[in-house]
Amino acid sequence: MSRAQVELLTRDGCSICLRAHQRLADLAGELDFALTLTDVDAAAAAGDSALRAEFGDRLPVVLLDGVEHSYWEVDEPRLRADLAMRPDAG
């Protein structure tokens, strides 16, 4: 299996989102997952309003391999456990 993909859904001006991004960036180096950041408002302005419609009221949202993992904060113990359970985990 490929490297885990973690996506943080956020919006500009969200201080909680900024803290979550900083923590995930630190964890990405330690736990070896790919981290992407998606601004739901920018995505909506570009024509894809689905993320904002689904997740916009509970940002930040952490997606693990495209599936909602946690929201409002990084559930670090659960993220560590879920990454360790992946078939390619070392």
PDB file of N, CA and C in Angstrom:
ATOM      1  N   MET A   1       0.846  -1.189   0.000  1.00  0.00           N
ATOM      2  CA  MET A   1       0.000   0.000   0.000  1.00  0.00           C
ATOM      3  C   MET A   1       0.887   1.246   0.000  1.00  0.00           C
ATOM      4  N   SER A   2       0.359   2.320  -0.538  1.00  0.00           N
ATOM      5  CA  SER A   2       1.128   3.557  -0.645  1.00  0.00           C
ATOM      6  C   SER A   2       1.139   4.316   0.684  1.00  0.00           C
ATOM      7  N   ARG A   3       1.914   5.336   0.691  1.00  0.00           N
ATOM      8  CA  ARG A   3       2.050   6.220   1.849  1.00  0.00           C
ATOM      9  C   ARG A   3       0.681   6.805   2.228  1.00  0.00           C
ATOM     10  N   ALA A   4       0.427   6.902   3.506  1.00  0.00           N
ATOM     11  CA  ALA A   4      -0.841   7.463   3.987  1.00  0.00           C
ATOM     12  C   ALA A   4      -0.970   8.911   3.533  1.00  0.00           C
ATOM     13  N   GLN A   5      -2.204   9.309   3.219  1.00  0.00           N
ATOM     14  CA  GLN A   5      -2.511  10.665   2.788  1.00  0.00           C
ATOM     15  C   GLN A   5      -3.374  11.330   3.863  1.00  0.00           C
ATOM     16  N   VAL A   6      -2.867  12.393   4.443  1.00  0.00           N
ATOM     17  CA  VAL A   6      -3.624  13.168   5.416  1.00  0.00           C
ATOM     18  C   VAL A   6      -3.907  14.524   4.785  1.00  0.00           C
ATOM     19  N   GLU A   7      -5.170  14.896   4.799  1.00  0.00           N
ATOM     20  CA  GLU A   7      -5.585  16.191   4.256  1.00  0.00           C
ATOM     21  C   GLU A   7      -6.243  16.974   5.370  1.00  0.00           C
ATOM     22  N   LEU A   8      -5.837  18.219   5.532  1.00  0.00           N
ATOM     23  CA  LEU A   8      -6.445  19.101   6.512  1.00  0.00           C
ATOM     24  C   LEU A   8      -7.334  20.092   5.776  1.00  0.00           C
ATOM     25  N   LEU A   9      -8.612  20.071   6.097  1.00  0.00           N
ATOM     26  CA  LEU A   9      -9.560  21.032   5.541  1.00  0.00           C
ATOM     27  C   LEU A   9      -9.597  22.226   6.478  1.00  0.00           C
ATOM     28  N   THR A  10      -9.479  23.417   5.910  1.00  0.00           N
ATOM     29  CA  THR A  10      -9.311  24.622   6.703  1.00  0.00           C
ATOM     30  C   THR A  10      -9.951  25.806   5.993  1.00  0.00           C
ATOM     31  N   ARG A  11      -9.799  26.973   6.569  1.00  0.00           N
ATOM     32  CA  ARG A  11     -10.164  28.226   5.891  1.00  0.00           C
ATOM     33  C   ARG A  11      -9.265  29.332   6.399  1.00  0.00           C
ATOM     34  N   ASP A  12      -9.100  30.341   5.583  1.00  0.00           N
ATOM     35  CA  ASP A  12      -8.256  31.480   5.916  1.00  0.00           C
ATOM     36  C   ASP A  12      -8.768  32.152   7.185  1.00  0.00           C
ATOM     37  N   GLY A  13      -7.859  32.510   8.077  1.00  0.00           N
ATOM     38  CA  GLY A  13      -8.220  33.216   9.293  1.00  0.00           C
ATOM     39  C   GLY A  13      -8.620  32.321  10.445  1.00  0.00           C
ATOM     40  N   CYS A  14      -8.537  31.029  10.286  1.00  0.00           N
ATOM     41  CA  CYS A  14      -8.937  30.068  11.329  1.00  0.00           C
ATOM     42  C   CYS A  14      -7.714  29.733  12.188  1.00  0.00           C
ATOM     43  N   SER A  15      -7.660  30.258  13.408  1.00  0.00           N
ATOM     44  CA  SER A  15      -6.488  30.025  14.256  1.00  0.00           C
ATOM     45  C   SER A  15      -6.411  28.573  14.730  1.00  0.00           C
ATOM     46  N   ILE A  16      -7.533  27.933  14.936  1.00  0.00           N
ATOM     47  CA  ILE A  16      -7.538  26.516  15.324  1.00  0.00           C
ATOM     48  C   ILE A  16      -6.979  25.683  14.168  1.00  0.00           C
ATOM     49  N   CYS A  17      -7.339  26.061  12.949  1.00  0.00           N
ATOM     50  CA  CYS A  17      -6.828  25.370  11.763  1.00  0.00           C
ATOM     51  C   CYS A  17      -5.313  25.502  11.669  1.00  0.00           C
ATOM     52  N   LEU A  18      -4.801  26.673  11.966  1.00  0.00           N
ATOM     53  CA  LEU A  18      -3.361  26.902  11.917  1.00  0.00           C
ATOM     54  C   LEU A  18      -2.641  26.005  12.913  1.00  0.00           C
ATOM     55  N   ARG A  19      -3.153  25.901  14.133  1.00  0.00           N
ATOM     56  CA  ARG A  19      -2.541  25.025  15.140  1.00  0.00           C
ATOM     57  C   ARG A  19      -2.586  23.567  14.702  1.00  0.00           C
ATOM     58  N   ALA A  20      -3.713  23.147  14.130  1.00  0.00           N
ATOM     59  CA  ALA A  20      -3.833  21.766  13.658  1.00  0.00           C
ATOM     60  C   ALA A  20      -2.826  21.502  12.537  1.00  0.00           C
ATOM     61  N   HIS A  21      -2.664  22.461  11.640  1.00  0.00           N
ATOM     62  CA  HIS A  21      -1.706  22.298  10.540  1.00  0.00           C
ATOM     63  C   HIS A  21      -0.278  22.184  11.072  1.00  0.00           C
ATOM     64  N   GLN A  22       0.075  23.019  12.024  1.00  0.00           N
ATOM     65  CA  GLN A  22       1.423  22.959  12.599  1.00  0.00           C
ATOM     66  C   GLN A  22       1.673  21.595  13.249  1.00  0.00           C
ATOM     67  N   ARG A  23       0.688  21.070  13.979  1.00  0.00           N
ATOM     68  CA  ARG A  23       0.862  19.778  14.640  1.00  0.00           C
ATOM     69  C   ARG A  23       0.972  18.657  13.609  1.00  0.00           C
ATOM     70  N   LEU A  24       0.118  18.699  12.587  1.00  0.00           N
ATOM     71  CA  LEU A  24       0.169  17.670  11.549  1.00  0.00           C
ATOM     72  C   LEU A  24       1.484  17.728  10.777  1.00  0.00           C
ATOM     73  N   ALA A  25       2.007  18.922  10.539  1.00  0.00           N
ATOM     74  CA  ALA A  25       3.287  19.050   9.837  1.00  0.00           C
ATOM     75  C   ALA A  25       4.401  18.389  10.644  1.00  0.00           C
ATOM     76  N   ASP A  26       4.378  18.573  11.956  1.00  0.00           N
ATOM     77  CA  ASP A  26       5.365  17.909  12.815  1.00  0.00           C
ATOM     78  C   ASP A  26       5.199  16.391  12.753  1.00  0.00           C
ATOM     79  N   LEU A  27       3.964  15.935  12.840  1.00  0.00           N
ATOM     80  CA  LEU A  27       3.695  14.495  12.830  1.00  0.00           C
ATOM     81  C   LEU A  27       4.023  13.858  11.483  1.00  0.00           C
ATOM     82  N   ALA A  28       3.853  14.598  10.405  1.00  0.00           N
ATOM     83  CA  ALA A  28       4.128  14.054   9.071  1.00  0.00           C
ATOM     84  C   ALA A  28       5.580  13.610   8.951  1.00  0.00           C
ATOM     85  N   GLY A  29       6.484  14.391   9.501  1.00  0.00           N
ATOM     86  CA  GLY A  29       7.887  14.023   9.470  1.00  0.00           C
ATOM     87  C   GLY A  29       8.168  12.793  10.319  1.00  0.00           C
ATOM     88  N   GLU A  30       7.531  12.719  11.451  1.00  0.00           N
ATOM     89  CA  GLU A  30       7.742  11.593  12.365  1.00  0.00           C
ATOM     90  C   GLU A  30       7.085  10.308  11.867  1.00  0.00           C
ATOM     91  N   LEU A  31       5.851  10.420  11.377  1.00  0.00           N
ATOM     92  CA  LEU A  31       5.051   9.238  11.050  1.00  0.00           C
ATOM     93  C   LEU A  31       5.027   8.924   9.551  1.00  0.00           C
ATOM     94  N   ASP A  32       5.688   9.731   8.754  1.00  0.00           N
ATOM     95  CA  ASP A  32       5.841   9.509   7.316  1.00  0.00           C
ATOM     96  C   ASP A  32       4.517   9.403   6.559  1.00  0.00           C
ATOM     97  N   PHE A  33       3.712  10.463   6.664  1.00  0.00           N
ATOM     98  CA  PHE A  33       2.523  10.541   5.823  1.00  0.00           C
ATOM     99  C   PHE A  33       2.594  11.812   4.991  1.00  0.00           C
ATOM    100  N   ALA A  34       1.905  11.800   3.858  1.00  0.00           N
ATOM    101  CA  ALA A  34       1.828  12.979   2.998  1.00  0.00           C
ATOM    102  C   ALA A  34       0.730  13.895   3.535  1.00  0.00           C
ATOM    103  N   LEU A  35       1.046  15.156   3.690  1.00  0.00           N
ATOM    104  CA  LEU A  35       0.100  16.127   4.229  1.00  0.00           C
ATOM    105  C   LEU A  35      -0.250  17.158   3.181  1.00  0.00           C
ATOM    106  N   THR A  36      -1.559  17.352   2.968  1.00  0.00           N
ATOM    107  CA  THR A  36      -2.024  18.420   2.092  1.00  0.00           C
ATOM    108  C   THR A  36      -2.990  19.296   2.871  1.00  0.00           C
ATOM    109  N   LEU A  37      -3.078  20.524   2.456  1.00  0.00           N
ATOM    110  CA  LEU A  37      -3.932  21.523   3.088  1.00  0.00           C
ATOM    111  C   LEU A  37      -4.921  22.014   2.045  1.00  0.00           C
ATOM    112  N   THR A  38      -6.211  21.987   2.375  1.00  0.00           N
ATOM    113  CA  THR A  38      -7.240  22.451   1.449  1.00  0.00           C
ATOM    114  C   THR A  38      -8.102  23.501   2.131  1.00  0.00           C
ATOM    115  N   ASP A  39      -8.136  24.681   1.549  1.00  0.00           N
ATOM    116  CA  ASP A  39      -9.002  25.758   2.028  1.00  0.00           C
ATOM    117  C   ASP A  39     -10.372  25.550   1.381  1.00  0.00           C
ATOM    118  N   VAL A  40     -11.381  25.248   2.193  1.00  0.00           N
ATOM    119  CA  VAL A  40     -12.699  24.917   1.640  1.00  0.00           C
ATOM    120  C   VAL A  40     -13.345  26.116   0.949  1.00  0.00           C
ATOM    121  N   ASP A  41     -13.042  27.318   1.400  1.00  0.00           N
ATOM    122  CA  ASP A  41     -13.617  28.506   0.768  1.00  0.00           C
ATOM    123  C   ASP A  41     -12.963  28.757  -0.592  1.00  0.00           C
ATOM    124  N   ALA A  42     -11.650  28.543  -0.683  1.00  0.00           N
ATOM    125  CA  ALA A  42     -10.960  28.698  -1.963  1.00  0.00           C
ATOM    126  C   ALA A  42     -11.442  27.635  -2.950  1.00  0.00           C
ATOM    127  N   ALA A  43     -11.652  26.412  -2.462  1.00  0.00           N
ATOM    128  CA  ALA A  43     -12.158  25.351  -3.332  1.00  0.00           C
ATOM    129  C   ALA A  43     -13.550  25.706  -3.848  1.00  0.00           C
ATOM    130  N   ALA A  44     -14.386  26.269  -2.979  1.00  0.00           N
ATOM    131  CA  ALA A  44     -15.738  26.664  -3.389  1.00  0.00           C
ATOM    132  C   ALA A  44     -15.682  27.788  -4.419  1.00  0.00           C
ATOM    133  N   ALA A  45     -14.785  28.737  -4.220  1.00  0.00           N
ATOM    134  CA  ALA A  45     -14.644  29.842  -5.172  1.00  0.00           C
ATOM    135  C   ALA A  45     -14.168  29.339  -6.536  1.00  0.00           C
ATOM    136  N   ALA A  46     -13.445  28.215  -6.520  1.00  0.00           N
ATOM    137  CA  ALA A  46     -12.951  27.631  -7.766  1.00  0.00           C
ATOM    138  C   ALA A  46     -13.977  26.689  -8.402  1.00  0.00           C
ATOM    139  N   GLY A  47     -15.151  26.591  -7.785  1.00  0.00           N
ATOM    140  CA  GLY A  47     -16.223  25.801  -8.383  1.00  0.00           C
ATOM    141  C   GLY A  47     -16.546  24.489  -7.697  1.00  0.00           C
ATOM    142  N   ASP A  48     -15.786  24.119  -6.649  1.00  0.00           N
ATOM    143  CA  ASP A  48     -16.049  22.876  -5.923  1.00  0.00           C
ATOM    144  C   ASP A  48     -16.549  23.213  -4.522  1.00  0.00           C
ATOM    145  N   SER A  49     -17.850  23.304  -4.388  1.00  0.00           N
ATOM    146  CA  SER A  49     -18.420  23.700  -3.099  1.00  0.00           C
ATOM    147  C   SER A  49     -18.744  22.513  -2.195  1.00  0.00           C
ATOM    148  N   ALA A  50     -18.477  21.297  -2.635  1.00  0.00           N
ATOM    149  CA  ALA A  50     -18.852  20.102  -1.872  1.00  0.00           C
ATOM    150  C   ALA A  50     -18.161  20.029  -0.514  1.00  0.00           C
ATOM    151  N   LEU A  51     -16.869  20.328  -0.465  1.00  0.00           N
ATOM    152  CA  LEU A  51     -16.150  20.243   0.811  1.00  0.00           C
ATOM    153  C   LEU A  51     -16.689  21.257   1.814  1.00  0.00           C
ATOM    154  N   ARG A  52     -16.916  22.493   1.356  1.00  0.00           N
ATOM    155  CA  ARG A  52     -17.436  23.518   2.264  1.00  0.00           C
ATOM    156  C   ARG A  52     -18.829  23.153   2.729  1.00  0.00           C
ATOM    157  N   ALA A  53     -19.647  22.618   1.838  1.00  0.00           N
ATOM    158  CA  ALA A  53     -21.013  22.238   2.207  1.00  0.00           C
ATOM    159  C   ALA A  53     -21.014  21.120   3.247  1.00  0.00           C
ATOM    160  N   GLU A  54     -20.130  20.146   3.082  1.00  0.00           N
ATOM    161  CA  GLU A  54     -20.113  19.006   4.000  1.00  0.00           C
ATOM    162  C   GLU A  54     -19.384  19.288   5.306  1.00  0.00           C
ATOM    163  N   PHE A  55     -18.254  19.998   5.247  1.00  0.00           N
ATOM    164  CA  PHE A  55     -17.385  20.121   6.408  1.00  0.00           C
ATOM    165  C   PHE A  55     -17.234  21.541   6.950  1.00  0.00           C
ATOM    166  N   GLY A  56     -17.766  22.538   6.269  1.00  0.00           N
ATOM    167  CA  GLY A  56     -17.492  23.936   6.584  1.00  0.00           C
ATOM    168  C   GLY A  56     -17.876  24.401   7.965  1.00  0.00           C
ATOM    169  N   ASP A  57     -18.799  23.709   8.629  1.00  0.00           N
ATOM    170  CA  ASP A  57     -19.220  24.144   9.958  1.00  0.00           C
ATOM    171  C   ASP A  57     -18.432  23.492  11.084  1.00  0.00           C
ATOM    172  N   ARG A  58     -17.464  22.622  10.766  1.00  0.00           N
ATOM    173  CA  ARG A  58     -16.695  21.987  11.837  1.00  0.00           C
ATOM    174  C   ARG A  58     -15.190  21.955  11.557  1.00  0.00           C
ATOM    175  N   LEU A  59     -14.702  22.984  10.911  1.00  0.00           N
ATOM    176  CA  LEU A  59     -13.277  23.068  10.598  1.00  0.00           C
ATOM    177  C   LEU A  59     -12.446  23.337  11.846  1.00  0.00           C
ATOM    178  N   PRO A  60     -11.225  22.871  11.888  1.00  0.00           N
ATOM    179  CA  PRO A  60     -10.549  22.060  10.896  1.00  0.00           C
ATOM    180  C   PRO A  60     -11.030  20.608  10.915  1.00  0.00           C
ATOM    181  N   VAL A  61     -10.930  19.979   9.756  1.00  0.00           N
ATOM    182  CA  VAL A  61     -11.275  18.563   9.617  1.00  0.00           C
ATOM    183  C   VAL A  61     -10.051  17.838   9.077  1.00  0.00           C
ATOM    184  N   VAL A  62      -9.731  16.708   9.701  1.00  0.00           N
ATOM    185  CA  VAL A  62      -8.621  15.875   9.255  1.00  0.00           C
ATOM    186  C   VAL A  62      -9.200  14.683   8.496  1.00  0.00           C
ATOM    187  N   LEU A  63      -8.734  14.491   7.268  1.00  0.00           N
ATOM    188  CA  LEU A  63      -9.113  13.331   6.471  1.00  0.00           C
ATOM    189  C   LEU A  63      -7.907  12.406   6.391  1.00  0.00           C
ATOM    190  N   LEU A  64      -8.116  11.130   6.613  1.00  0.00           N
ATOM    191  CA  LEU A  64      -7.065  10.127   6.449  1.00  0.00           C
ATOM    192  C   LEU A  64      -7.448   9.258   5.275  1.00  0.00           C
ATOM    193  N   ASP A  65      -6.626   9.288   4.246  1.00  0.00           N
ATOM    194  CA  ASP A  65      -6.900   8.548   3.010  1.00  0.00           C
ATOM    195  C   ASP A  65      -8.308   8.836   2.491  1.00  0.00           C
ATOM    196  N   GLY A  66      -8.700  10.124   2.567  1.00  0.00           N
ATOM    197  CA  GLY A  66      -9.970  10.568   2.014  1.00  0.00           C
ATOM    198  C   GLY A  66     -11.184  10.385   2.890  1.00  0.00           C
ATOM    199  N   VAL A  67     -10.998   9.846   4.099  1.00  0.00           N
ATOM    200  CA  VAL A  67     -12.113   9.581   5.008  1.00  0.00           C
ATOM    201  C   VAL A  67     -11.972  10.475   6.238  1.00  0.00           C
ATOM    202  N   GLU A  68     -13.090  11.058   6.674  1.00  0.00           N
ATOM    203  CA  GLU A  68     -13.042  11.921   7.854  1.00  0.00           C
ATOM    204  C   GLU A  68     -12.471  11.161   9.044  1.00  0.00           C
ATOM    205  N   HIS A  69     -11.476  11.765   9.675  1.00  0.00           N
ATOM    206  CA  HIS A  69     -10.801  11.137  10.809  1.00  0.00           C
ATOM    207  C   HIS A  69     -11.111  11.874  12.110  1.00  0.00           C
ATOM    208  N   SER A  70     -11.030  13.185  12.091  1.00  0.00           N
ATOM    209  CA  SER A  70     -11.333  13.979  13.283  1.00  0.00           C
ATOM    210  C   SER A  70     -11.670  15.398  12.847  1.00  0.00           C
ATOM    211  N   TYR A  71     -12.256  16.145  13.756  1.00  0.00           N
ATOM    212  CA  TYR A  71     -12.555  17.542  13.464  1.00  0.00           C
ATOM    213  C   TYR A  71     -12.386  18.369  14.722  1.00  0.00           C
ATOM    214  N   TRP A  72     -12.190  19.652  14.521  1.00  0.00           N
ATOM    215  CA  TRP A  72     -11.927  20.669  15.532  1.00  0.00           C
ATOM    216  C   TRP A  72     -10.554  20.526  16.181  1.00  0.00           C
ATOM    217  N   GLU A  73      -9.984  19.333  16.193  1.00  0.00           N
ATOM    218  CA  GLU A  73      -8.634  19.138  16.718  1.00  0.00           C
ATOM    219  C   GLU A  73      -8.049  17.876  16.087  1.00  0.00           C
ATOM    220  N   VAL A  74      -6.746  17.732  16.202  1.00  0.00           N
ATOM    221  CA  VAL A  74      -6.080  16.526  15.723  1.00  0.00           C
ATOM    222  C   VAL A  74      -6.194  15.484  16.832  1.00  0.00           C
ATOM    223  N   ASP A  75      -6.842  14.375  16.537  1.00  0.00           N
ATOM    224  CA  ASP A  75      -6.927  13.269  17.500  1.00  0.00           C
ATOM    225  C   ASP A  75      -5.652  12.448  17.339  1.00  0.00           C
ATOM    226  N   GLU A  76      -4.590  12.946  17.980  1.00  0.00           N
ATOM    227  CA  GLU A  76      -3.262  12.366  17.768  1.00  0.00           C
ATOM    228  C   GLU A  76      -3.174  10.896  18.178  1.00  0.00           C
ATOM    229  N   PRO A  77      -3.686  10.485  19.345  1.00  0.00           N
ATOM    230  CA  PRO A  77      -3.598   9.053  19.683  1.00  0.00           C
ATOM    231  C   PRO A  77      -4.298   8.165  18.652  1.00  0.00           C
ATOM    232  N   ARG A  78      -5.449   8.596  18.193  1.00  0.00           N
ATOM    233  CA  ARG A  78      -6.181   7.809  17.190  1.00  0.00           C
ATOM    234  C   ARG A  78      -5.446   7.804  15.851  1.00  0.00           C
ATOM    235  N   LEU A  79      -4.880   8.953  15.465  1.00  0.00           N
ATOM    236  CA  LEU A  79      -4.132   9.026  14.207  1.00  0.00           C
ATOM    237  C   LEU A  79      -2.925   8.092  14.253  1.00  0.00           C
ATOM    238  N   ARG A  80      -2.190   8.121  15.356  1.00  0.00           N
ATOM    239  CA  ARG A  80      -1.041   7.224  15.495  1.00  0.00           C
ATOM    240  C   ARG A  80      -1.478   5.763  15.392  1.00  0.00           C
ATOM    241  N   ALA A  81      -2.562   5.413  16.064  1.00  0.00           N
ATOM    242  CA  ALA A  81      -3.049   4.036  16.051  1.00  0.00           C
ATOM    243  C   ALA A  81      -3.511   3.635  14.657  1.00  0.00           C
ATOM    244  N   ASP A  82      -4.244   4.512  13.981  1.00  0.00           N
ATOM    245  CA  ASP A  82      -4.749   4.188  12.649  1.00  0.00           C
ATOM    246  C   ASP A  82      -3.614   4.063  11.632  1.00  0.00           C
ATOM    247  N   LEU A  83      -2.591   4.901  11.763  1.00  0.00           N
ATOM    248  CA  LEU A  83      -1.454   4.793  10.854  1.00  0.00           C
ATOM    249  C   LEU A  83      -0.675   3.504  11.121  1.00  0.00           C
ATOM    250  N   ALA A  84      -0.571   3.106  12.374  1.00  0.00           N
ATOM    251  CA  ALA A  84       0.131   1.863  12.715  1.00  0.00           C
ATOM    252  C   ALA A  84      -0.598   0.636  12.216  1.00  0.00           C
ATOM    253  N   MET A  85      -1.914   0.730  12.020  1.00  0.00           N
ATOM    254  CA  MET A  85      -2.722  -0.393  11.573  1.00  0.00           C
ATOM    255  C   MET A  85      -2.691  -0.568  10.050  1.00  0.00           C
ATOM    256  N   ARG A  86      -2.172   0.402   9.335  1.00  0.00           N
ATOM    257  CA  ARG A  86      -2.122   0.300   7.869  1.00  0.00           C
ATOM    258  C   ARG A  86      -1.217  -0.868   7.478  1.00  0.00           C
ATOM    259  N   PRO A  87      -1.563  -1.566   6.423  1.00  0.00           N
ATOM    260  CA  PRO A  87      -0.800  -2.752   6.009  1.00  0.00           C
ATOM    261  C   PRO A  87       0.689  -2.510   5.776  1.00  0.00           C
ATOM    262  N   ASP A  88       1.072  -1.296   5.364  1.00  0.00           N
ATOM    263  CA  ASP A  88       2.484  -1.035   5.079  1.00  0.00           C
ATOM    264  C   ASP A  88       3.210  -0.393   6.260  1.00  0.00           C
ATOM    265  N   ALA A  89       2.532  -0.316   7.424  1.00  0.00           N
ATOM    266  CA  ALA A  89       3.154   0.312   8.597  1.00  0.00           C
ATOM    267  C   ALA A  89       4.368  -0.514   9.026  1.00  0.00           C
ATOM    268  N   GLY A  90       5.409   0.223   9.375  1.00  0.00           N
ATOM    269  CA  GLY A  90       6.669  -0.389   9.683  1.00  0.00           C
ATOM    270  C   GLY A  90       6.773  -0.953  11.025  1.00  0.00           C
TER     271      GLY A  90
END
